[in-house]
């Protein structure tokens, strides 16, 4: 399953797509790699910082929570990105 190359309008559903990839990665789906997760994180971050995206506090908070989860997993020794 290839990673999306663009989320278009970066709304909560776009961020939720990244969350789904993370879920299936953690469940051991061999088609989802840590590089794909890293690419998605970078893509979402870039899209959220672009001028073409309307600020959405709920999406920002959700994505920040996801990033915190990834960091906490790294601290436990689980390699996600």
N, C-alpha and C. Protein backbone atom coordinates (compact mmCIF):
# COMPACT_ATOMS: atom_id res chain seq x y z
N UNK A 1 0.85 -1.16 0.00
CA UNK A 1 0.00 0.00 0.00
C UNK A 1 0.90 1.24 0.00
N UNK A 2 0.96 1.99 -1.09
CA UNK A 2 1.83 3.16 -1.14
C UNK A 2 1.28 4.30 -0.29
N UNK A 3 2.18 5.10 0.25
CA UNK A 3 1.78 6.26 1.04
C UNK A 3 1.16 7.31 0.12
N UNK A 4 0.15 8.01 0.59
CA UNK A 4 -0.40 9.08 -0.23
C UNK A 4 0.67 10.14 -0.49
N UNK A 5 0.65 10.73 -1.67
CA UNK A 5 1.63 11.75 -1.98
C UNK A 5 1.13 13.13 -1.61
N UNK A 6 -0.17 13.27 -1.38
CA UNK A 6 -0.71 14.56 -0.97
C UNK A 6 -2.02 14.33 -0.25
N UNK A 7 -2.25 15.11 0.76
CA UNK A 7 -3.51 15.04 1.46
C UNK A 7 -4.47 16.11 0.96
N UNK A 8 -4.03 16.90 -0.03
CA UNK A 8 -4.87 17.97 -0.54
C UNK A 8 -5.19 18.94 0.57
N UNK A 9 -6.45 19.18 0.78
CA UNK A 9 -6.85 20.05 1.88
C UNK A 9 -6.57 19.31 3.18
N UNK A 10 -5.70 19.88 4.00
CA UNK A 10 -5.26 19.19 5.21
C UNK A 10 -6.30 19.39 6.31
N UNK A 11 -7.30 18.56 6.27
CA UNK A 11 -8.34 18.59 7.28
C UNK A 11 -8.16 17.39 8.18
N UNK A 12 -8.97 17.30 9.19
CA UNK A 12 -8.88 16.19 10.12
C UNK A 12 -8.89 14.83 9.42
N UNK A 13 -9.72 14.60 8.39
CA UNK A 13 -9.64 13.30 7.72
C UNK A 13 -8.26 13.00 7.16
N UNK A 14 -7.53 13.99 6.65
CA UNK A 14 -6.18 13.76 6.14
C UNK A 14 -5.26 13.30 7.23
N UNK A 15 -5.37 13.92 8.37
CA UNK A 15 -4.55 13.52 9.51
C UNK A 15 -4.97 12.14 10.00
N UNK A 16 -6.26 11.87 9.97
CA UNK A 16 -6.74 10.55 10.36
C UNK A 16 -6.19 9.46 9.45
N UNK A 17 -5.98 9.77 8.17
CA UNK A 17 -5.37 8.79 7.27
C UNK A 17 -3.98 8.41 7.76
N UNK A 18 -3.21 9.42 8.17
CA UNK A 18 -1.89 9.14 8.73
C UNK A 18 -1.98 8.29 9.98
N UNK A 19 -2.98 8.55 10.78
CA UNK A 19 -3.20 7.77 12.00
C UNK A 19 -3.50 6.31 11.66
N UNK A 20 -4.25 6.09 10.60
CA UNK A 20 -4.56 4.71 10.17
C UNK A 20 -3.28 3.98 9.75
N UNK A 21 -2.41 4.67 9.02
CA UNK A 21 -1.15 4.05 8.63
C UNK A 21 -0.35 3.65 9.87
N UNK A 22 -0.32 4.54 10.85
CA UNK A 22 0.39 4.25 12.10
C UNK A 22 -0.21 3.02 12.79
N UNK A 23 -1.52 2.95 12.83
CA UNK A 23 -2.20 1.81 13.45
C UNK A 23 -1.79 0.49 12.78
N UNK A 24 -1.87 0.46 11.46
CA UNK A 24 -1.55 -0.78 10.75
C UNK A 24 -0.06 -1.11 10.82
N UNK A 25 0.78 -0.09 10.88
CA UNK A 25 2.21 -0.32 11.08
C UNK A 25 2.44 -1.03 12.41
N UNK A 26 1.80 -0.52 13.46
CA UNK A 26 1.97 -1.12 14.79
C UNK A 26 1.40 -2.53 14.87
N UNK A 27 0.41 -2.81 14.04
CA UNK A 27 -0.18 -4.16 14.02
C UNK A 27 0.66 -5.14 13.20
N UNK A 28 1.78 -4.63 12.63
CA UNK A 28 2.69 -5.52 11.93
C UNK A 28 2.43 -5.69 10.45
N UNK A 29 1.62 -4.82 9.85
CA UNK A 29 1.38 -4.91 8.42
C UNK A 29 2.70 -4.67 7.69
N UNK A 30 3.21 -5.67 6.97
CA UNK A 30 4.52 -5.54 6.31
C UNK A 30 4.53 -4.52 5.17
N UNK A 31 3.36 -4.11 4.69
CA UNK A 31 3.31 -3.13 3.62
C UNK A 31 3.51 -1.70 4.13
N UNK A 32 3.39 -1.49 5.43
CA UNK A 32 3.57 -0.17 6.03
C UNK A 32 4.93 -0.17 6.72
N UNK A 33 5.83 0.68 6.26
CA UNK A 33 7.18 0.73 6.81
C UNK A 33 7.38 1.99 7.66
N UNK A 34 8.43 1.97 8.48
CA UNK A 34 8.72 3.15 9.28
C UNK A 34 9.06 4.35 8.39
N UNK A 35 9.65 4.08 7.23
CA UNK A 35 9.93 5.17 6.29
C UNK A 35 8.64 5.81 5.78
N UNK A 36 7.62 5.00 5.55
CA UNK A 36 6.33 5.53 5.12
C UNK A 36 5.73 6.42 6.20
N UNK A 37 5.82 5.97 7.45
CA UNK A 37 5.29 6.76 8.56
C UNK A 37 6.04 8.08 8.65
N UNK A 38 7.35 8.03 8.53
CA UNK A 38 8.17 9.25 8.58
C UNK A 38 7.77 10.19 7.45
N UNK A 39 7.61 9.65 6.25
CA UNK A 39 7.21 10.47 5.11
C UNK A 39 5.85 11.13 5.36
N UNK A 40 4.92 10.38 5.92
CA UNK A 40 3.60 10.93 6.22
C UNK A 40 3.68 12.05 7.25
N UNK A 41 4.47 11.84 8.29
CA UNK A 41 4.63 12.87 9.32
C UNK A 41 5.19 14.14 8.68
N UNK A 42 6.20 13.98 7.83
CA UNK A 42 6.80 15.14 7.16
C UNK A 42 5.80 15.82 6.24
N UNK A 43 5.03 15.03 5.49
CA UNK A 43 4.04 15.58 4.57
C UNK A 43 2.96 16.35 5.33
N UNK A 44 2.46 15.76 6.39
CA UNK A 44 1.43 16.43 7.18
C UNK A 44 1.97 17.71 7.78
N UNK A 45 3.19 17.66 8.31
CA UNK A 45 3.81 18.85 8.90
C UNK A 45 3.94 19.96 7.85
N UNK A 46 4.43 19.61 6.67
CA UNK A 46 4.58 20.59 5.59
C UNK A 46 3.23 21.18 5.19
N UNK A 47 2.24 20.31 5.03
CA UNK A 47 0.92 20.77 4.62
C UNK A 47 0.30 21.68 5.67
N UNK A 48 0.48 21.35 6.93
CA UNK A 48 -0.11 22.16 8.00
C UNK A 48 0.57 23.53 8.09
N UNK A 49 1.83 23.61 7.68
CA UNK A 49 2.56 24.87 7.75
C UNK A 49 2.39 25.71 6.48
N UNK A 50 1.80 25.16 5.45
CA UNK A 50 1.65 25.89 4.20
C UNK A 50 0.56 26.94 4.33
N UNK A 51 0.65 27.94 3.49
CA UNK A 51 -0.32 29.03 3.50
C UNK A 51 -1.68 28.60 2.96
N UNK A 52 -1.71 27.50 2.23
CA UNK A 52 -2.96 27.06 1.60
C UNK A 52 -3.88 26.30 2.56
N UNK A 53 -3.42 26.07 3.76
CA UNK A 53 -4.21 25.30 4.73
C UNK A 53 -4.81 26.24 5.77
N UNK A 54 -6.11 26.13 5.96
CA UNK A 54 -6.79 26.90 6.98
C UNK A 54 -6.49 26.29 8.34
N UNK A 55 -6.14 27.12 9.28
CA UNK A 55 -5.83 26.63 10.63
C UNK A 55 -7.05 25.93 11.22
N UNK A 56 -6.81 24.80 11.83
CA UNK A 56 -7.87 24.03 12.48
C UNK A 56 -7.33 23.55 13.82
N UNK A 57 -7.70 24.21 14.92
CA UNK A 57 -7.15 23.85 16.23
C UNK A 57 -7.37 22.38 16.60
N UNK A 58 -8.49 21.81 16.22
CA UNK A 58 -8.75 20.41 16.54
C UNK A 58 -7.78 19.49 15.81
N UNK A 59 -7.54 19.78 14.53
CA UNK A 59 -6.59 18.97 13.76
C UNK A 59 -5.18 19.14 14.28
N UNK A 60 -4.83 20.39 14.62
CA UNK A 60 -3.50 20.66 15.17
C UNK A 60 -3.28 19.87 16.46
N UNK A 61 -4.28 19.88 17.33
CA UNK A 61 -4.17 19.16 18.61
C UNK A 61 -4.09 17.66 18.39
N UNK A 62 -4.88 17.15 17.46
CA UNK A 62 -4.88 15.72 17.17
C UNK A 62 -3.52 15.28 16.64
N UNK A 63 -2.96 16.07 15.72
CA UNK A 63 -1.66 15.73 15.15
C UNK A 63 -0.57 15.84 16.22
N UNK A 64 -0.64 16.86 17.05
CA UNK A 64 0.34 17.02 18.14
C UNK A 64 0.28 15.81 19.07
N UNK A 65 -0.91 15.32 19.34
CA UNK A 65 -1.08 14.14 20.19
C UNK A 65 -0.45 12.91 19.53
N UNK A 66 -0.64 12.78 18.24
CA UNK A 66 -0.05 11.66 17.50
C UNK A 66 1.48 11.72 17.55
N UNK A 67 2.03 12.93 17.37
CA UNK A 67 3.48 13.08 17.45
C UNK A 67 4.00 12.75 18.85
N UNK A 68 3.25 13.15 19.87
CA UNK A 68 3.65 12.83 21.25
C UNK A 68 3.62 11.31 21.46
N UNK A 69 2.64 10.64 20.90
CA UNK A 69 2.55 9.19 21.01
C UNK A 69 3.77 8.53 20.36
N UNK A 70 4.14 9.01 19.17
CA UNK A 70 5.31 8.46 18.48
C UNK A 70 6.56 8.65 19.34
N UNK A 71 6.72 9.85 19.92
CA UNK A 71 7.88 10.10 20.78
C UNK A 71 7.88 9.19 22.00
N UNK A 72 6.71 8.98 22.60
CA UNK A 72 6.64 8.11 23.78
C UNK A 72 6.99 6.66 23.43
N UNK A 73 6.60 6.23 22.24
CA UNK A 73 6.93 4.88 21.80
C UNK A 73 8.44 4.76 21.58
N UNK A 74 9.05 5.80 21.03
CA UNK A 74 10.51 5.80 20.84
C UNK A 74 11.22 5.67 22.18
N UNK A 75 10.73 6.38 23.20
CA UNK A 75 11.33 6.31 24.51
C UNK A 75 11.23 4.91 25.12
N UNK A 76 10.21 4.18 24.72
CA UNK A 76 10.03 2.80 25.19
C UNK A 76 10.87 1.83 24.36
N UNK A 77 11.53 2.35 23.33
CA UNK A 77 12.35 1.48 22.48
C UNK A 77 11.64 0.92 21.28
N UNK A 78 10.42 1.39 21.02
CA UNK A 78 9.66 0.93 19.87
C UNK A 78 10.01 1.84 18.70
N UNK A 79 10.52 1.28 17.62
CA UNK A 79 10.92 2.08 16.47
C UNK A 79 9.74 2.29 15.54
N UNK A 80 9.27 3.52 15.50
CA UNK A 80 8.19 3.86 14.56
C UNK A 80 8.76 4.70 13.43
N UNK A 81 9.46 5.77 13.78
CA UNK A 81 10.10 6.60 12.74
C UNK A 81 11.52 6.90 13.16
